[in-house]
Amino acid sequence: MLYIISQKDEHCWIGELNGLRGWFPAKFVELLDERSKQYSSAGDDSVTEVITDLARGTLCPAIKAVLEHGMKKSSILGGPCHPWLFIEEVANKEVEKDFNSVYSRLVLCKTFRLDEDGKVLTPEEILYRSVQAINLSHDAASAQMDVKLRSLVCIGLNEQVLHLWFEVLCSCIPVVQKWYHPWSFINSPGWVQIKCELRLLAQFAFNLNPEWELPVKKEPSQPLKEGVRDMLVKHHLFSWDL
């Protein structure tokens, strides 16, 4: 992994690798994070396997248990009940409050490649985009709602907004009252304490793959990538030795 120092030239960038600065062709690298957030290999599931067990195997079940506490049964709701369906409804409800403003922001982000930067999009908008993205990718793989929920938690960790999302969910009173009994965590003042606990996670840098539980897609182009790497080494298109 190298750190980008300058992107002034769209074809040739300057970066730092192992303490040494050099130049390289821009199109032969993949940006890990272009929002100037801190990076830690401890929070990267492609480097540290144990973080996957901690996030998906320990944190996600705990969050699901909180979301299921006091949730009304299917017989009362008149349909299936799952925390994911509640989250979907909240996300849609929040975006509908100011559709024109949200739409303008999304167009702005797409036009200027700002992506889901918290400085541009609100937590509600990031939640909406994340839910839509997960539905698109996970439905194609016939993934269950439990998997979707775990993937959403991972995105929340990546974006450092998990505690803000929890506040959004608990503050959407009409939807909360529809889905939860008065004695539930979500429908009581107790959710504030849970938010405070989740806020601690915003201090850490995560890079978790939202599609980690989906079937691995075959990449027939891999031999081509290896060929490109050989070409870069042979013709010294990177100023470092790879």
Protein backbone atom coordinates (compact mmCIF):
# COMPACT_ATOMS: atom_id res chain seq x y z
CA MET A 1 0.00 0.00 0.00
CA LEU A 2 1.30 3.45 -0.90
CA TYR A 3 0.23 6.91 0.24
CA ILE A 4 -0.66 9.49 -2.41
CA ILE A 5 1.15 12.81 -2.01
CA SER A 6 0.04 14.64 -5.16
CA GLN A 7 -2.68 14.11 -7.79
CA LYS A 8 -2.08 17.35 -9.72
CA ASP A 9 -1.27 15.44 -12.91
CA GLU A 10 -4.18 13.20 -13.88
CA HIS A 11 -1.87 10.67 -15.55
CA CYS A 12 1.11 10.53 -13.19
CA TRP A 13 0.79 10.82 -9.41
CA ILE A 14 3.39 11.17 -6.67
CA GLY A 15 3.27 8.89 -3.67
CA GLU A 16 5.20 7.41 -0.77
CA LEU A 17 6.06 3.73 -0.34
CA ASN A 18 8.11 2.34 2.54
CA GLY A 19 9.33 5.83 3.40
CA LEU A 20 10.42 6.62 -0.16
CA ARG A 21 8.69 9.10 -2.47
CA GLY A 22 8.25 8.46 -6.17
CA TRP A 23 5.93 8.71 -9.14
CA PHE A 24 3.62 6.13 -10.75
CA PRO A 25 0.89 5.90 -13.44
CA ALA A 26 -2.42 6.94 -11.87
CA LYS A 27 -4.56 4.39 -13.67
CA PHE A 28 -2.58 1.41 -12.36
CA VAL A 29 -3.50 1.95 -8.71
CA GLU A 30 -6.77 1.65 -6.80
CA LEU A 31 -7.66 4.31 -4.25
CA LEU A 32 -8.32 2.81 -0.84
CA ASP A 33 -9.61 6.03 0.72
CA GLU A 34 -9.75 9.48 -0.88
CA ARG A 35 -11.31 11.31 2.06
CA SER A 36 -8.14 11.86 4.11
CA LYS A 37 -9.33 9.54 6.89
CA GLN A 38 -6.87 7.72 9.05
CA TYR A 39 -6.01 4.18 7.97
CA SER A 40 -5.17 1.29 10.24
CA SER A 41 -4.31 -2.22 9.09
CA ALA A 42 -5.90 -3.48 12.33
CA GLY A 43 -9.31 -2.39 11.00
CA ASP A 44 -8.77 -3.70 7.47
CA ASP A 45 -10.41 -7.11 6.96
CA SER A 46 -8.19 -7.80 3.94
CA VAL A 47 -5.13 -7.57 6.22
CA THR A 48 -6.37 -8.54 9.70
CA GLU A 49 -8.74 -11.50 9.64
CA VAL A 50 -9.72 -11.25 13.30
CA ILE A 51 -11.46 -7.90 12.73
CA THR A 52 -14.05 -9.74 10.64
CA ASP A 53 -14.90 -12.03 13.57
CA LEU A 54 -15.10 -9.07 15.94
CA ALA A 55 -17.30 -6.96 13.65
CA ARG A 56 -19.56 -9.55 12.04
CA GLY A 57 -19.37 -12.25 14.68
CA THR A 58 -19.50 -10.24 17.92
CA LEU A 59 -20.67 -6.65 17.34
CA CYS A 60 -23.37 -7.38 14.75
CA PRO A 61 -25.22 -10.02 16.83
CA ALA A 62 -25.21 -7.59 19.79
CA ILE A 63 -26.69 -4.80 17.65
CA LYS A 64 -29.26 -7.18 16.20
CA ALA A 65 -30.29 -8.23 19.73
CA VAL A 66 -30.86 -4.58 20.64
CA LEU A 67 -32.90 -3.99 17.49
CA GLU A 68 -34.99 -7.12 18.11
CA HIS A 69 -35.73 -6.29 21.74
CA GLY A 70 -39.38 -5.31 22.02
CA MET A 71 -40.05 -5.58 18.30
CA LYS A 72 -43.68 -6.35 17.56
CA LYS A 73 -44.56 -9.78 16.18
CA SER A 74 -45.59 -10.45 12.61
CA SER A 75 -49.19 -11.00 13.71
CA ILE A 76 -49.33 -7.42 15.01
CA LEU A 77 -47.44 -5.81 12.14
CA GLY A 78 -49.41 -7.70 9.53
CA GLY A 79 -46.28 -8.83 7.73
CA PRO A 80 -42.72 -10.11 8.22
CA CYS A 81 -40.67 -8.56 11.03
CA HIS A 82 -36.91 -8.10 10.91
CA PRO A 83 -34.64 -5.23 11.94
CA TRP A 84 -33.59 -4.79 8.31
CA LEU A 85 -37.17 -3.99 7.28
CA PHE A 86 -37.39 -1.43 10.08
CA ILE A 87 -34.12 0.17 8.95
CA GLU A 88 -35.35 0.31 5.35
CA GLU A 89 -38.51 2.10 6.40
CA VAL A 90 -36.63 4.63 8.52
CA ALA A 91 -34.15 5.33 5.72
CA ASN A 92 -36.95 5.96 3.24
CA LYS A 93 -38.90 8.07 5.74
CA GLU A 94 -35.94 10.31 6.53
CA VAL A 95 -35.10 10.90 2.87
CA GLU A 96 -38.71 11.70 2.01
CA LYS A 97 -38.66 14.60 4.50
CA ASP A 98 -36.62 16.73 2.13
CA PHE A 99 -36.42 14.88 -1.16
CA ASN A 100 -35.36 17.83 -3.31
CA SER A 101 -32.46 18.73 -1.03
CA VAL A 102 -31.28 15.12 -0.80
CA TYR A 103 -31.54 14.61 -4.55
CA SER A 104 -29.48 17.75 -5.18
CA ARG A 105 -26.81 16.57 -2.75
CA LEU A 106 -26.62 13.13 -4.37
CA VAL A 107 -26.26 14.67 -7.83
CA LEU A 108 -23.55 16.99 -6.50
CA CYS A 109 -21.63 14.10 -4.98
CA LYS A 110 -21.86 12.03 -8.16
CA THR A 111 -20.79 14.96 -10.34
CA PHE A 112 -17.78 15.91 -8.24
CA ARG A 113 -16.90 12.38 -7.06
CA LEU A 114 -17.46 13.30 -3.43
CA ASP A 115 -19.01 9.95 -2.64
CA GLU A 116 -20.45 9.42 0.87
CA ASP A 117 -18.26 12.01 2.57
CA GLY A 118 -19.86 12.98 5.87
CA LYS A 119 -18.95 16.62 5.22
CA VAL A 120 -21.34 16.66 2.27
CA LEU A 121 -23.99 14.05 3.03
CA THR A 122 -25.91 13.86 6.28
CA PRO A 123 -25.98 10.59 8.24
CA GLU A 124 -29.55 10.08 7.00
CA GLU A 125 -28.45 10.37 3.39
CA ILE A 126 -25.50 8.04 3.89
CA LEU A 127 -27.86 5.53 5.50
CA TYR A 128 -30.27 5.73 2.57
CA ARG A 129 -27.50 5.25 0.01
CA SER A 130 -25.99 2.37 1.97
CA VAL A 131 -29.32 0.55 2.28
CA GLN A 132 -29.96 0.93 -1.43
CA ALA A 133 -26.46 -0.26 -2.34
CA ILE A 134 -26.73 -3.30 -0.07
CA ASN A 135 -30.13 -4.26 -1.46
CA LEU A 136 -28.75 -4.01 -4.99
CA SER A 137 -25.67 -6.15 -4.39
CA HIS A 138 -27.12 -8.60 -1.85
CA ASP A 139 -30.40 -9.28 -3.64
CA ALA A 140 -28.40 -10.33 -6.68
CA ALA A 141 -26.75 -12.96 -4.49
CA SER A 142 -30.04 -13.90 -2.74
CA ALA A 143 -28.53 -12.91 0.61
CA GLN A 144 -30.67 -13.06 3.74
CA MET A 145 -31.62 -10.00 5.77
CA ASP A 146 -29.22 -11.01 8.55
CA VAL A 147 -26.36 -10.71 6.07
CA LYS A 148 -27.65 -7.31 4.90
CA LEU A 149 -27.76 -6.09 8.49
CA ARG A 150 -24.18 -7.18 9.15
CA SER A 151 -23.00 -5.52 5.95
CA LEU A 152 -24.74 -2.28 6.93
CA VAL A 153 -23.02 -2.29 10.31
CA CYS A 154 -19.69 -2.69 8.52
CA ILE A 155 -20.42 0.31 6.32
CA GLY A 156 -21.38 2.29 9.41
CA LEU A 157 -18.01 1.42 10.95
CA ASN A 158 -16.18 2.39 7.76
CA GLU A 159 -17.94 5.75 7.61
CA GLN A 160 -17.66 6.32 11.38
CA VAL A 161 -21.39 7.04 11.59
CA LEU A 162 -22.74 3.92 13.31
CA HIS A 163 -23.71 5.84 16.45
CA LEU A 164 -25.36 8.55 14.35
CA TRP A 165 -27.34 5.96 12.42
CA PHE A 166 -28.54 4.47 15.69
CA GLU A 167 -29.79 7.91 16.73
CA VAL A 168 -31.56 8.31 13.38
CA LEU A 169 -33.34 4.98 13.87
CA CYS A 170 -34.43 5.73 17.43
CA SER A 171 -35.49 9.31 16.65
CA CYS A 172 -37.90 8.40 13.85
CA ILE A 173 -40.82 8.26 16.27
CA PRO A 174 -43.68 7.33 13.88
CA VAL A 175 -41.78 4.33 12.52
CA VAL A 176 -40.46 3.33 15.94
CA GLN A 177 -43.96 3.31 17.44
CA LYS A 178 -45.20 1.21 14.53
CA TRP A 179 -42.51 -1.46 14.96
CA TYR A 180 -41.77 -1.51 18.69
CA HIS A 181 -43.52 -1.92 22.02
CA PRO A 182 -43.13 0.94 24.55
CA TRP A 183 -40.83 -1.19 26.72
CA SER A 184 -38.26 -1.84 23.96
CA PHE A 185 -34.74 -0.36 24.00
CA ILE A 186 -35.44 1.51 20.74
CA ASN A 187 -38.63 3.08 22.07
CA SER A 188 -37.21 4.17 25.44
CA PRO A 189 -34.66 6.74 26.66
CA GLY A 190 -32.21 3.86 27.08
CA TRP A 191 -31.15 4.14 23.45
CA VAL A 192 -29.06 7.21 24.31
CA GLN A 193 -26.73 5.08 26.44
CA ILE A 194 -26.31 2.59 23.60
CA LYS A 195 -25.49 5.44 21.22
CA CYS A 196 -22.78 6.65 23.60
CA GLU A 197 -21.22 3.18 23.60
CA LEU A 198 -21.29 3.02 19.79
CA ARG A 199 -19.76 6.49 19.51
CA LEU A 200 -16.48 5.13 20.87
CA LEU A 201 -16.10 3.11 17.67
CA ALA A 202 -15.88 6.33 15.64
CA GLN A 203 -12.39 6.83 17.07
CA PHE A 204 -11.08 3.86 15.09
CA ALA A 205 -10.40 3.45 11.39
CA PHE A 206 -12.14 0.55 9.63
CA ASN A 207 -11.93 -0.74 6.10
CA LEU A 208 -14.43 -3.61 6.05
CA ASN A 209 -15.70 -5.17 2.85
CA PRO A 210 -19.54 -4.88 2.79
CA GLU A 211 -19.70 -7.86 0.42
CA TRP A 212 -17.49 -10.11 2.54
CA GLU A 213 -20.26 -12.70 3.03
CA LEU A 214 -21.33 -12.76 -0.61
CA PRO A 215 -20.08 -15.43 -3.02
CA VAL A 216 -16.71 -14.53 -4.48
CA LYS A 217 -17.00 -13.30 -8.04
CA LYS A 218 -14.68 -14.91 -10.53
CA GLU A 219 -12.21 -12.49 -12.06
CA PRO A 220 -11.10 -13.76 -15.48
CA SER A 221 -9.06 -10.61 -15.89
CA GLN A 222 -6.62 -11.58 -13.10
CA PRO A 223 -3.97 -12.97 -15.51
CA LEU A 224 -4.16 -9.63 -17.32
CA LYS A 225 -3.51 -7.78 -14.08
CA GLU A 226 -0.47 -9.94 -13.43
CA GLY A 227 0.71 -9.24 -16.96
CA VAL A 228 0.35 -5.53 -16.37
CA ARG A 229 2.37 -5.84 -13.17
CA ASP A 230 5.16 -7.60 -15.08
CA MET A 231 5.09 -4.85 -17.68
CA LEU A 232 5.35 -2.15 -15.01
CA VAL A 233 8.38 -3.84 -13.48
CA LYS A 234 10.06 -4.50 -16.85
CA HIS A 235 9.62 -1.02 -18.22
CA HIS A 236 10.08 0.80 -14.88
CA LEU A 237 6.76 2.61 -15.04
CA PHE A 238 6.88 2.88 -11.24
CA SER A 239 9.83 4.80 -9.82
CA TRP A 240 10.15 2.17 -7.05
CA ASP A 241 11.07 -1.48 -7.28
CA LEU A 242 7.74 -3.32 -6.78
